[in-house]
Amino acid sequence: MSRRCDISGKKAQRGMKYSFLRAHFNPTAKRKFEVNLQTVKTTVNGKRVKLKIAASVLKAHPEIRSGIILPLKKRSRKKIKKLLSAAKP
């Protein structure tokens, strides 16, 4: 199972590990920047489910914890984001 946010689709990114060598920063090895995923129990369309959501998404949309209503059809992540931003009070 991939480490990916169920709402925003955020996933791990790649970058470089830096070391300080002789007064210069030296990129030495590749590394992976993981997403800060949190497991949240919430109600979606009246059913209790567990979702893995990025902490930045939870911070931006705290109403996710109280419950969300998503359309029954499969929607793209952009449309889900739009629905969440429209639901903000």
C-alpha atoms as a PDB file:
ATOM      1  CA  MET A   1       0.000   0.000   0.000  1.00  0.00           C
ATOM      2  CA  SER A   2       1.476   3.338  -0.994  1.00  0.00           C
ATOM      3  CA  ARG A   3       1.875   6.185   1.471  1.00  0.00           C
ATOM      4  CA  ARG A   4      -0.498   8.609  -0.183  1.00  0.00           C
ATOM      5  CA  CYS A   5      -3.093  11.054   1.149  1.00  0.00           C
ATOM      6  CA  ASP A   6      -6.659   9.881   0.417  1.00  0.00           C
ATOM      7  CA  ILE A   7      -7.891  13.426  -0.253  1.00  0.00           C
ATOM      8  CA  SER A   8      -5.089  15.499  -1.747  1.00  0.00           C
ATOM      9  CA  GLY A   9      -3.026  12.704  -3.312  1.00  0.00           C
ATOM     10  CA  LYS A  10       0.218  13.910  -1.727  1.00  0.00           C
ATOM     11  CA  LYS A  11       2.992  11.325  -1.795  1.00  0.00           C
ATOM     12  CA  ALA A  12       6.690  11.015  -1.004  1.00  0.00           C
ATOM     13  CA  GLN A  13       9.170  13.232  -2.828  1.00  0.00           C
ATOM     14  CA  ARG A  14      12.830  12.656  -3.641  1.00  0.00           C
ATOM     15  CA  GLY A  15      15.692  14.963  -2.792  1.00  0.00           C
ATOM     16  CA  MET A  16      19.329  15.090  -1.790  1.00  0.00           C
ATOM     17  CA  LYS A  17      20.964  14.534   1.579  1.00  0.00           C
ATOM     18  CA  TYR A  18      23.517  17.256   2.308  1.00  0.00           C
ATOM     19  CA  SER A  19      26.679  17.021   4.361  1.00  0.00           C
ATOM     20  CA  PHE A  20      28.984  19.816   5.468  1.00  0.00           C
ATOM     21  CA  LEU A  21      32.462  19.130   4.143  1.00  0.00           C
ATOM     22  CA  ARG A  22      35.395  21.573   4.262  1.00  0.00           C
ATOM     23  CA  ALA A  23      33.239  24.709   4.533  1.00  0.00           C
ATOM     24  CA  HIS A  24      30.983  23.666   1.618  1.00  0.00           C
ATOM     25  CA  PHE A  25      27.636  21.944   1.481  1.00  0.00           C
ATOM     26  CA  ASN A  26      28.039  18.767  -0.470  1.00  0.00           C
ATOM     27  CA  PRO A  27      25.051  16.816  -1.838  1.00  0.00           C
ATOM     28  CA  THR A  28      26.085  13.239  -1.116  1.00  0.00           C
ATOM     29  CA  ALA A  29      23.137  10.863  -1.356  1.00  0.00           C
ATOM     30  CA  LYS A  30      19.562  10.700  -2.527  1.00  0.00           C
ATOM     31  CA  ARG A  31      16.834  10.480   0.098  1.00  0.00           C
ATOM     32  CA  LYS A  32      13.068  10.323   0.365  1.00  0.00           C
ATOM     33  CA  PHE A  33      10.864  12.969   2.000  1.00  0.00           C
ATOM     34  CA  GLU A  34       7.821  11.139   3.366  1.00  0.00           C
ATOM     35  CA  VAL A  35       4.375  12.677   3.828  1.00  0.00           C
ATOM     36  CA  ASN A  36       3.122  13.294   7.379  1.00  0.00           C
ATOM     37  CA  LEU A  37       0.074  11.007   7.186  1.00  0.00           C
ATOM     38  CA  GLN A  38      -2.440  10.821  10.003  1.00  0.00           C
ATOM     39  CA  THR A  39      -5.113   8.140  10.343  1.00  0.00           C
ATOM     40  CA  VAL A  40      -8.496   9.772  10.958  1.00  0.00           C
ATOM     41  CA  LYS A  41     -11.810   8.101  11.751  1.00  0.00           C
ATOM     42  CA  THR A  42     -14.588  10.113  10.142  1.00  0.00           C
ATOM     43  CA  THR A  43     -18.014   9.677   8.605  1.00  0.00           C
ATOM     44  CA  VAL A  44     -18.245   9.689   4.838  1.00  0.00           C
ATOM     45  CA  ASN A  45     -21.775   9.606   3.428  1.00  0.00           C
ATOM     46  CA  GLY A  46     -23.067   8.384   6.783  1.00  0.00           C
ATOM     47  CA  LYS A  47     -20.585   5.481   7.122  1.00  0.00           C
ATOM     48  CA  ARG A  48     -17.722   5.396   9.633  1.00  0.00           C
ATOM     49  CA  VAL A  49     -14.395   4.939   7.810  1.00  0.00           C
ATOM     50  CA  LYS A  50     -10.664   5.334   8.407  1.00  0.00           C
ATOM     51  CA  LEU A  51      -8.798   7.672   6.079  1.00  0.00           C
ATOM     52  CA  LYS A  52      -5.096   8.414   5.778  1.00  0.00           C
ATOM     53  CA  ILE A  53      -4.836  12.174   5.417  1.00  0.00           C
ATOM     54  CA  ALA A  54      -1.824  14.493   5.248  1.00  0.00           C
ATOM     55  CA  ALA A  55      -1.403  16.731   8.296  1.00  0.00           C
ATOM     56  CA  SER A  56      -1.366  19.838   6.087  1.00  0.00           C
ATOM     57  CA  VAL A  57      -4.802  18.917   4.682  1.00  0.00           C
ATOM     58  CA  LEU A  58      -6.183  18.357   8.202  1.00  0.00           C
ATOM     59  CA  LYS A  59      -4.839  21.740   9.254  1.00  0.00           C
ATOM     60  CA  ALA A  60      -6.449  23.462   6.270  1.00  0.00           C
ATOM     61  CA  HIS A  61      -9.772  21.575   6.579  1.00  0.00           C
ATOM     62  CA  PRO A  62     -10.524  20.765  10.250  1.00  0.00           C
ATOM     63  CA  GLU A  63     -14.132  19.920   9.323  1.00  0.00           C
ATOM     64  CA  ILE A  64     -12.886  16.571   7.957  1.00  0.00           C
ATOM     65  CA  ARG A  65     -12.786  15.177  11.502  1.00  0.00           C
ATOM     66  CA  SER A  66     -16.470  15.943  12.079  1.00  0.00           C
ATOM     67  CA  GLY A  67     -17.568  14.231   8.865  1.00  0.00           C
ATOM     68  CA  ILE A  68     -17.736  14.878   5.139  1.00  0.00           C
ATOM     69  CA  ILE A  69     -20.211  14.118   2.395  1.00  0.00           C
ATOM     70  CA  LEU A  70     -18.700  12.979  -0.871  1.00  0.00           C
ATOM     71  CA  PRO A  71     -20.608  12.212  -4.075  1.00  0.00           C
ATOM     72  CA  LEU A  72     -21.196   8.523  -4.788  1.00  0.00           C
ATOM     73  CA  LYS A  73     -19.574   8.729  -8.212  1.00  0.00           C
ATOM     74  CA  LYS A  74     -15.819   8.558  -8.422  1.00  0.00           C
ATOM     75  CA  ARG A  75     -14.534  12.102  -8.562  1.00  0.00           C
ATOM     76  CA  SER A  76     -11.118  13.495  -9.247  1.00  0.00           C
ATOM     77  CA  ARG A  77      -9.062  14.850  -6.367  1.00  0.00           C
ATOM     78  CA  LYS A  78      -9.494  18.409  -7.698  1.00  0.00           C
ATOM     79  CA  LYS A  79     -13.282  18.141  -7.404  1.00  0.00           C
ATOM     80  CA  ILE A  80     -13.006  16.715  -3.871  1.00  0.00           C
ATOM     81  CA  LYS A  81     -10.763  19.646  -2.897  1.00  0.00           C
ATOM     82  CA  LYS A  82     -13.291  22.060  -4.389  1.00  0.00           C
ATOM     83  CA  LEU A  83     -16.127  20.448  -2.395  1.00  0.00           C
ATOM     84  CA  LEU A  84     -14.103  20.740   0.820  1.00  0.00           C
ATOM     85  CA  SER A  85     -13.259  24.380   0.219  1.00  0.00           C
ATOM     86  CA  ALA A  86     -16.930  25.153  -0.506  1.00  0.00           C
ATOM     87  CA  ALA A  87     -17.966  23.452   2.756  1.00  0.00           C
ATOM     88  CA  LYS A  88     -15.856  25.822   4.879  1.00  0.00           C
ATOM     89  CA  PRO A  89     -17.996  28.106   7.080  1.00  0.00           C
END
